[in-house]
Amino acid sequence: MSFKSVIGQDKSIGILKEAMAQGHLCAGYLFTGQDAIGKKLVAVELAKAVNCLTSSNDACDSCSSCAKIEKNLHPDILIISPQEESEIKIDSIRQMQKQINLMPYEAKTKVFIIDQAHLLTAEAQNALLKSAEEPPKDSLLIMTLQNPETLIPTLNSRFQNIYFGEPSEKKIISFFEKENRKEFKEAVEMFGTKVGLIYKYFDDENFKEE
């Protein structure tokens, strides 16, 4: 995949590409907007782009770094998501903090993605504040969530907010028609503009059966 796989988020991706081109990526970003519209996908593609061994300002399909990140096997890229408790607790943040101050094993930039960050407990948010206030130069922290106001103000203020709008169904249908994706009409009928769920339907057989 690459940024080209993201549907209807040209403005957000343009902001990130411009920052990369100028060498001015922020240490921390909030990707905000409705659920399942591509925020996590862009976060992963950004992790690939800043560490890609062959491309500039995008991810490739062939280098070892991008392949490891795509499979969530890269030692310097950590994705934190809520578990069965439907919360992200302080233990997950402490695990991240053990890694954030280490030198990268392989990556140019260590990337930490907290998906659905509105589910961080108050204790976890306060613990995260220290990492947000003093981020190492070789690290990038991205949080995806619907509304930045769900974070404590001191944490919210440490990140640059990039808003992701809802892509149109017309754009989604046009994209998958060009990609010759099978069953895309069925997926769009079920999930509408929730591109993340459409990709999950394509790629996750267990999800598809459910």
C-alpha atoms as a PDB file:
ATOM      1  CA  MET A   1       0.000   0.000   0.000  1.00  0.00           C
ATOM      2  CA  SER A   2       0.901   3.692  -0.062  1.00  0.00           C
ATOM      3  CA  PHE A   3      -0.827   7.034   0.428  1.00  0.00           C
ATOM      4  CA  LYS A   4      -2.445   6.293  -2.944  1.00  0.00           C
ATOM      5  CA  SER A   5      -4.513   3.618  -1.191  1.00  0.00           C
ATOM      6  CA  VAL A   6      -6.187   6.253   0.984  1.00  0.00           C
ATOM      7  CA  ILE A   7      -9.507   7.524  -0.363  1.00  0.00           C
ATOM      8  CA  GLY A   8     -10.737  11.104  -0.039  1.00  0.00           C
ATOM      9  CA  GLN A   9      -8.032  12.437   2.291  1.00  0.00           C
ATOM     10  CA  ASP A  10      -5.919  14.413  -0.178  1.00  0.00           C
ATOM     11  CA  LYS A  11      -5.790  17.542   1.990  1.00  0.00           C
ATOM     12  CA  SER A  12      -4.539  15.705   5.101  1.00  0.00           C
ATOM     13  CA  ILE A  13      -1.966  13.724   3.125  1.00  0.00           C
ATOM     14  CA  GLY A  14      -0.852  16.917   1.362  1.00  0.00           C
ATOM     15  CA  ILE A  15      -0.097  18.552   4.716  1.00  0.00           C
ATOM     16  CA  LEU A  16       2.020  15.558   5.780  1.00  0.00           C
ATOM     17  CA  LYS A  17       3.856  15.287   2.462  1.00  0.00           C
ATOM     18  CA  GLU A  18       4.686  18.994   2.500  1.00  0.00           C
ATOM     19  CA  ALA A  19       6.060  18.671   6.045  1.00  0.00           C
ATOM     20  CA  MET A  20       8.182  15.676   5.013  1.00  0.00           C
ATOM     21  CA  ALA A  21       9.497  17.469   1.935  1.00  0.00           C
ATOM     22  CA  GLN A  22      10.592  20.419   4.066  1.00  0.00           C
ATOM     23  CA  GLY A  23      11.933  18.230   6.885  1.00  0.00           C
ATOM     24  CA  HIS A  24       9.448  19.770   9.314  1.00  0.00           C
ATOM     25  CA  LEU A  25       7.318  16.867  10.518  1.00  0.00           C
ATOM     26  CA  CYS A  26       6.007  17.507  14.020  1.00  0.00           C
ATOM     27  CA  ALA A  27       6.954  15.153  16.830  1.00  0.00           C
ATOM     28  CA  GLY A  28       3.291  14.480  17.548  1.00  0.00           C
ATOM     29  CA  TYR A  29       0.034  14.458  15.577  1.00  0.00           C
ATOM     30  CA  LEU A  30      -3.646  14.006  16.335  1.00  0.00           C
ATOM     31  CA  PHE A  31      -5.522  12.500  13.394  1.00  0.00           C
ATOM     32  CA  THR A  32      -9.140  13.411  14.140  1.00  0.00           C
ATOM     33  CA  GLY A  33     -12.435  12.629  12.443  1.00  0.00           C
ATOM     34  CA  GLN A  34     -15.072   9.904  12.227  1.00  0.00           C
ATOM     35  CA  ASP A  35     -14.176   6.268  12.866  1.00  0.00           C
ATOM     36  CA  ALA A  36     -12.968   3.983  10.061  1.00  0.00           C
ATOM     37  CA  ILE A  37     -12.377   6.677   7.407  1.00  0.00           C
ATOM     38  CA  GLY A  38      -8.622   6.133   6.990  1.00  0.00           C
ATOM     39  CA  LYS A  39      -6.901   7.788   9.969  1.00  0.00           C
ATOM     40  CA  LYS A  40      -5.086   4.642  11.132  1.00  0.00           C
ATOM     41  CA  LEU A  41      -4.236   3.704   7.531  1.00  0.00           C
ATOM     42  CA  VAL A  42      -2.600   7.117   6.998  1.00  0.00           C
ATOM     43  CA  ALA A  43      -0.715   6.747  10.297  1.00  0.00           C
ATOM     44  CA  VAL A  44       0.716   3.396   9.169  1.00  0.00           C
ATOM     45  CA  GLU A  45       1.521   4.734   5.704  1.00  0.00           C
ATOM     46  CA  LEU A  46       3.291   7.709   7.289  1.00  0.00           C
ATOM     47  CA  ALA A  47       5.368   5.312   9.402  1.00  0.00           C
ATOM     48  CA  LYS A  48       6.319   3.523   6.194  1.00  0.00           C
ATOM     49  CA  ALA A  49       7.017   6.736   4.274  1.00  0.00           C
ATOM     50  CA  VAL A  50       9.432   8.184   6.846  1.00  0.00           C
ATOM     51  CA  ASN A  51      11.307   4.873   6.986  1.00  0.00           C
ATOM     52  CA  CYS A  52      11.084   3.708   3.359  1.00  0.00           C
ATOM     53  CA  LEU A  53      14.442   2.642   1.957  1.00  0.00           C
ATOM     54  CA  THR A  54      13.611   3.418  -1.677  1.00  0.00           C
ATOM     55  CA  SER A  55      10.941   6.120  -2.006  1.00  0.00           C
ATOM     56  CA  SER A  56      10.590   9.784  -1.144  1.00  0.00           C
ATOM     57  CA  ASN A  57       7.493  11.063   0.684  1.00  0.00           C
ATOM     58  CA  ASP A  58       5.605   7.786   0.206  1.00  0.00           C
ATOM     59  CA  ALA A  59       5.827   4.085   0.967  1.00  0.00           C
ATOM     60  CA  CYS A  60       6.896   1.425  -1.514  1.00  0.00           C
ATOM     61  CA  ASP A  61       5.758  -2.164  -1.975  1.00  0.00           C
ATOM     62  CA  SER A  62       9.138  -3.818  -1.930  1.00  0.00           C
ATOM     63  CA  CYS A  63      11.683  -2.621   0.645  1.00  0.00           C
ATOM     64  CA  SER A  64      12.222  -4.593   3.859  1.00  0.00           C
ATOM     65  CA  SER A  65      11.238  -1.676   6.098  1.00  0.00           C
ATOM     66  CA  CYS A  66       7.832  -1.108   4.468  1.00  0.00           C
ATOM     67  CA  ALA A  67       7.146  -4.855   4.349  1.00  0.00           C
ATOM     68  CA  LYS A  68       7.783  -5.231   8.096  1.00  0.00           C
ATOM     69  CA  ILE A  69       5.604  -2.251   8.957  1.00  0.00           C
ATOM     70  CA  GLU A  70       2.793  -3.527   6.719  1.00  0.00           C
ATOM     71  CA  LYS A  71       2.838  -6.827   8.647  1.00  0.00           C
ATOM     72  CA  ASN A  72       3.222  -5.054  12.023  1.00  0.00           C
ATOM     73  CA  LEU A  73       6.578  -6.792  12.552  1.00  0.00           C
ATOM     74  CA  HIS A  74       8.961  -3.802  12.630  1.00  0.00           C
ATOM     75  CA  PRO A  75      10.837  -3.530  15.956  1.00  0.00           C
ATOM     76  CA  ASP A  76      10.717   0.291  15.935  1.00  0.00           C
ATOM     77  CA  ILE A  77       7.035   0.738  15.079  1.00  0.00           C
ATOM     78  CA  LEU A  78       4.473   0.186  17.846  1.00  0.00           C
ATOM     79  CA  ILE A  79       0.694   0.278  17.384  1.00  0.00           C
ATOM     80  CA  ILE A  80      -1.351   0.522  20.567  1.00  0.00           C
ATOM     81  CA  SER A  81      -5.073  -0.270  20.345  1.00  0.00           C
ATOM     82  CA  PRO A  82      -7.758  -0.853  22.971  1.00  0.00           C
ATOM     83  CA  GLN A  83      -8.014  -4.453  24.092  1.00  0.00           C
ATOM     84  CA  GLU A  84     -11.033  -6.393  25.315  1.00  0.00           C
ATOM     85  CA  GLU A  85     -11.534  -3.949  28.193  1.00  0.00           C
ATOM     86  CA  SER A  86     -12.321  -1.213  25.618  1.00  0.00           C
ATOM     87  CA  GLU A  87      -9.763   1.034  27.311  1.00  0.00           C
ATOM     88  CA  ILE A  88      -6.120   1.875  26.763  1.00  0.00           C
ATOM     89  CA  LYS A  89      -4.532   1.608  30.158  1.00  0.00           C
ATOM     90  CA  ILE A  90      -1.337   2.980  31.664  1.00  0.00           C
ATOM     91  CA  ASP A  91       0.518  -0.335  31.200  1.00  0.00           C
ATOM     92  CA  SER A  92       0.372   0.128  27.413  1.00  0.00           C
ATOM     93  CA  ILE A  93       1.813   3.642  27.739  1.00  0.00           C
ATOM     94  CA  ARG A  94       4.576   2.411  30.024  1.00  0.00           C
ATOM     95  CA  GLN A  95       5.461  -0.231  27.439  1.00  0.00           C
ATOM     96  CA  MET A  96       5.692   2.512  24.818  1.00  0.00           C
ATOM     97  CA  GLN A  97       7.840   4.692  27.064  1.00  0.00           C
ATOM     98  CA  LYS A  98      10.374   1.894  27.503  1.00  0.00           C
ATOM     99  CA  GLN A  99      10.880   1.931  23.739  1.00  0.00           C
ATOM    100  CA  ILE A 100      10.617   5.619  22.978  1.00  0.00           C
ATOM    101  CA  ASN A 101      13.886   6.548  24.685  1.00  0.00           C
ATOM    102  CA  LEU A 102      15.902   3.735  23.091  1.00  0.00           C
ATOM    103  CA  MET A 103      17.955   4.167  19.935  1.00  0.00           C
ATOM    104  CA  PRO A 104      16.180   2.727  16.861  1.00  0.00           C
ATOM    105  CA  TYR A 105      17.140  -0.830  15.913  1.00  0.00           C
ATOM    106  CA  GLU A 106      16.546  -0.344  12.197  1.00  0.00           C
ATOM    107  CA  ALA A 107      14.296   2.645  11.554  1.00  0.00           C
ATOM    108  CA  LYS A 108      15.265   6.188  10.675  1.00  0.00           C
ATOM    109  CA  THR A 109      12.356   7.303  12.852  1.00  0.00           C
ATOM    110  CA  LYS A 110      10.589   5.286  15.541  1.00  0.00           C
ATOM    111  CA  VAL A 111       6.831   5.623  15.192  1.00  0.00           C
ATOM    112  CA  PHE A 112       4.246   5.068  17.924  1.00  0.00           C
ATOM    113  CA  ILE A 113       0.586   4.948  16.905  1.00  0.00           C
ATOM    114  CA  ILE A 114      -2.171   5.084  19.514  1.00  0.00           C
ATOM    115  CA  ASP A 115      -5.385   4.096  17.776  1.00  0.00           C
ATOM    116  CA  GLN A 116      -8.702   5.282  19.265  1.00  0.00           C
ATOM    117  CA  ALA A 117      -6.860   7.483  21.728  1.00  0.00           C
ATOM    118  CA  HIS A 118     -10.147   8.749  23.181  1.00  0.00           C
ATOM    119  CA  LEU A 119     -10.138   5.425  25.067  1.00  0.00           C
ATOM    120  CA  LEU A 120      -6.976   6.317  26.993  1.00  0.00           C
ATOM    121  CA  THR A 121      -7.727   6.310  30.691  1.00  0.00           C
ATOM    122  CA  ALA A 122      -7.038   9.516  32.628  1.00  0.00           C
ATOM    123  CA  GLU A 123      -4.071   7.784  34.255  1.00  0.00           C
ATOM    124  CA  ALA A 124      -2.702   6.759  30.848  1.00  0.00           C
ATOM    125  CA  GLN A 125      -3.119  10.294  29.469  1.00  0.00           C
ATOM    126  CA  ASN A 126      -1.199  11.802  32.354  1.00  0.00           C
ATOM    127  CA  ALA A 127       1.583   9.257  31.898  1.00  0.00           C
ATOM    128  CA  LEU A 128       1.718  10.029  28.171  1.00  0.00           C
ATOM    129  CA  LEU A 129       2.091  13.747  28.823  1.00  0.00           C
ATOM    130  CA  LYS A 130       5.769  13.389  29.758  1.00  0.00           C
ATOM    131  CA  SER A 131       6.600  11.727  26.420  1.00  0.00           C
ATOM    132  CA  ALA A 132       4.615  14.410  24.572  1.00  0.00           C
ATOM    133  CA  GLU A 133       6.441  17.224  26.371  1.00  0.00           C
ATOM    134  CA  GLU A 134       9.954  15.845  25.747  1.00  0.00           C
ATOM    135  CA  PRO A 135       9.821  13.685  22.585  1.00  0.00           C
ATOM    136  CA  PRO A 136      13.134  12.225  21.370  1.00  0.00           C
ATOM    137  CA  LYS A 137      14.310  13.631  18.041  1.00  0.00           C
ATOM    138  CA  ASP A 138      14.143  10.234  16.332  1.00  0.00           C
ATOM    139  CA  SER A 139      10.523   9.503  17.258  1.00  0.00           C
ATOM    140  CA  LEU A 140       7.037  10.287  15.961  1.00  0.00           C
ATOM    141  CA  LEU A 141       3.865   9.878  18.024  1.00  0.00           C
ATOM    142  CA  ILE A 142       0.466   9.720  16.290  1.00  0.00           C
ATOM    143  CA  MET A 143      -2.913   9.410  17.974  1.00  0.00           C
ATOM    144  CA  THR A 144      -6.144   8.712  16.101  1.00  0.00           C
ATOM    145  CA  LEU A 145      -9.482   9.698  17.615  1.00  0.00           C
ATOM    146  CA  GLN A 146     -12.789  11.346  16.792  1.00  0.00           C
ATOM    147  CA  ASN A 147     -12.681  14.454  18.959  1.00  0.00           C
ATOM    148  CA  PRO A 148      -9.475  16.002  20.383  1.00  0.00           C
ATOM    149  CA  GLU A 149     -11.509  17.549  23.209  1.00  0.00           C
ATOM    150  CA  THR A 150     -11.757  14.094  24.801  1.00  0.00           C
ATOM    151  CA  LEU A 151      -8.091  14.433  25.782  1.00  0.00           C
ATOM    152  CA  ILE A 152      -6.944  16.445  28.758  1.00  0.00           C
ATOM    153  CA  PRO A 153      -6.077  20.003  27.580  1.00  0.00           C
ATOM    154  CA  THR A 154      -2.384  19.764  28.500  1.00  0.00           C
ATOM    155  CA  LEU A 155      -2.007  16.664  26.312  1.00  0.00           C
ATOM    156  CA  ASN A 156      -4.146  17.968  23.455  1.00  0.00           C
ATOM    157  CA  SER A 157      -2.043  21.137  23.198  1.00  0.00           C
ATOM    158  CA  ARG A 158       1.176  19.177  22.569  1.00  0.00           C
ATOM    159  CA  PHE A 159       0.028  17.762  19.223  1.00  0.00           C
ATOM    160  CA  GLN A 160      -0.752  19.156  15.794  1.00  0.00           C
ATOM    161  CA  ASN A 161      -4.339  18.345  14.866  1.00  0.00           C
ATOM    162  CA  ILE A 162      -5.041  17.140  11.325  1.00  0.00           C
ATOM    163  CA  TYR A 163      -8.727  16.693  10.558  1.00  0.00           C
ATOM    164  CA  PHE A 164      -9.918  13.858   8.307  1.00  0.00           C
ATOM    165  CA  GLY A 165     -13.216  14.460   6.537  1.00  0.00           C
ATOM    166  CA  GLU A 166     -15.669  11.780   5.489  1.00  0.00           C
ATOM    167  CA  PRO A 167     -15.007  10.632   1.898  1.00  0.00           C
ATOM    168  CA  SER A 168     -17.948  10.556  -0.486  1.00  0.00           C
ATOM    169  CA  GLU A 169     -19.460   7.222  -1.469  1.00  0.00           C
ATOM    170  CA  LYS A 170     -19.012   8.247  -5.106  1.00  0.00           C
ATOM    171  CA  LYS A 171     -15.230   8.594  -4.624  1.00  0.00           C
ATOM    172  CA  ILE A 172     -15.051   5.250  -2.876  1.00  0.00           C
ATOM    173  CA  ILE A 173     -16.940   3.443  -5.633  1.00  0.00           C
ATOM    174  CA  SER A 174     -14.821   5.115  -8.332  1.00  0.00           C
ATOM    175  CA  PHE A 175     -11.602   4.142  -6.543  1.00  0.00           C
ATOM    176  CA  PHE A 176     -12.476   0.462  -6.169  1.00  0.00           C
ATOM    177  CA  GLU A 177     -13.795   0.263  -9.739  1.00  0.00           C
ATOM    178  CA  LYS A 178     -10.376   1.405 -10.989  1.00  0.00           C
ATOM    179  CA  GLU A 179      -8.683  -1.087  -8.645  1.00  0.00           C
ATOM    180  CA  ASN A 180     -10.867  -3.909  -9.994  1.00  0.00           C
ATOM    181  CA  ARG A 181     -11.675  -4.997  -6.452  1.00  0.00           C
ATOM    182  CA  LYS A 182     -14.110  -7.876  -6.307  1.00  0.00           C
ATOM    183  CA  GLU A 183     -17.154  -7.570  -4.065  1.00  0.00           C
ATOM    184  CA  PHE A 184     -16.567  -3.839  -3.503  1.00  0.00           C
ATOM    185  CA  LYS A 185     -20.228  -2.997  -4.193  1.00  0.00           C
ATOM    186  CA  GLU A 186     -21.297  -5.441  -1.504  1.00  0.00           C
ATOM    187  CA  ALA A 187     -18.759  -3.921   0.908  1.00  0.00           C
ATOM    188  CA  VAL A 188     -19.813  -0.335   0.173  1.00  0.00           C
ATOM    189  CA  GLU A 189     -23.455  -1.314   0.614  1.00  0.00           C
ATOM    190  CA  MET A 190     -22.661  -2.692   4.077  1.00  0.00           C
ATOM    191  CA  PHE A 191     -20.173  -0.095   5.328  1.00  0.00           C
ATOM    192  CA  GLY A 192     -20.877   3.065   3.345  1.00  0.00           C
ATOM    193  CA  THR A 193     -18.012   5.572   3.698  1.00  0.00           C
ATOM    194  CA  LYS A 194     -16.154   3.634   6.407  1.00  0.00           C
ATOM    195  CA  VAL A 195     -13.145   2.810   4.247  1.00  0.00           C
ATOM    196  CA  GLY A 196     -11.305   1.117   7.108  1.00  0.00           C
ATOM    197  CA  LEU A 197     -14.063  -1.474   7.440  1.00  0.00           C
ATOM    198  CA  ILE A 198     -14.180  -1.971   3.664  1.00  0.00           C
ATOM    199  CA  TYR A 199     -10.443  -2.781   3.590  1.00  0.00           C
ATOM    200  CA  LYS A 200     -10.892  -5.062   6.606  1.00  0.00           C
ATOM    201  CA  TYR A 201     -13.692  -6.852   4.769  1.00  0.00           C
ATOM    202  CA  PHE A 202     -11.352  -7.438   1.823  1.00  0.00           C
ATOM    203  CA  ASP A 203      -8.340  -8.540   3.850  1.00  0.00           C
ATOM    204  CA  ASP A 204      -9.649 -10.275   6.989  1.00  0.00           C
ATOM    205  CA  GLU A 205     -11.462 -13.540   6.315  1.00  0.00           C
ATOM    206  CA  ASN A 206     -12.644 -13.875   9.922  1.00  0.00           C
ATOM    207  CA  PHE A 207     -14.162 -10.391   9.819  1.00  0.00           C
ATOM    208  CA  LYS A 208     -15.770 -11.188   6.484  1.00  0.00           C
ATOM    209  CA  GLU A 209     -17.389 -14.338   7.849  1.00  0.00           C
ATOM    210  CA  GLU A 210     -18.707 -12.464  10.876  1.00  0.00           C
END
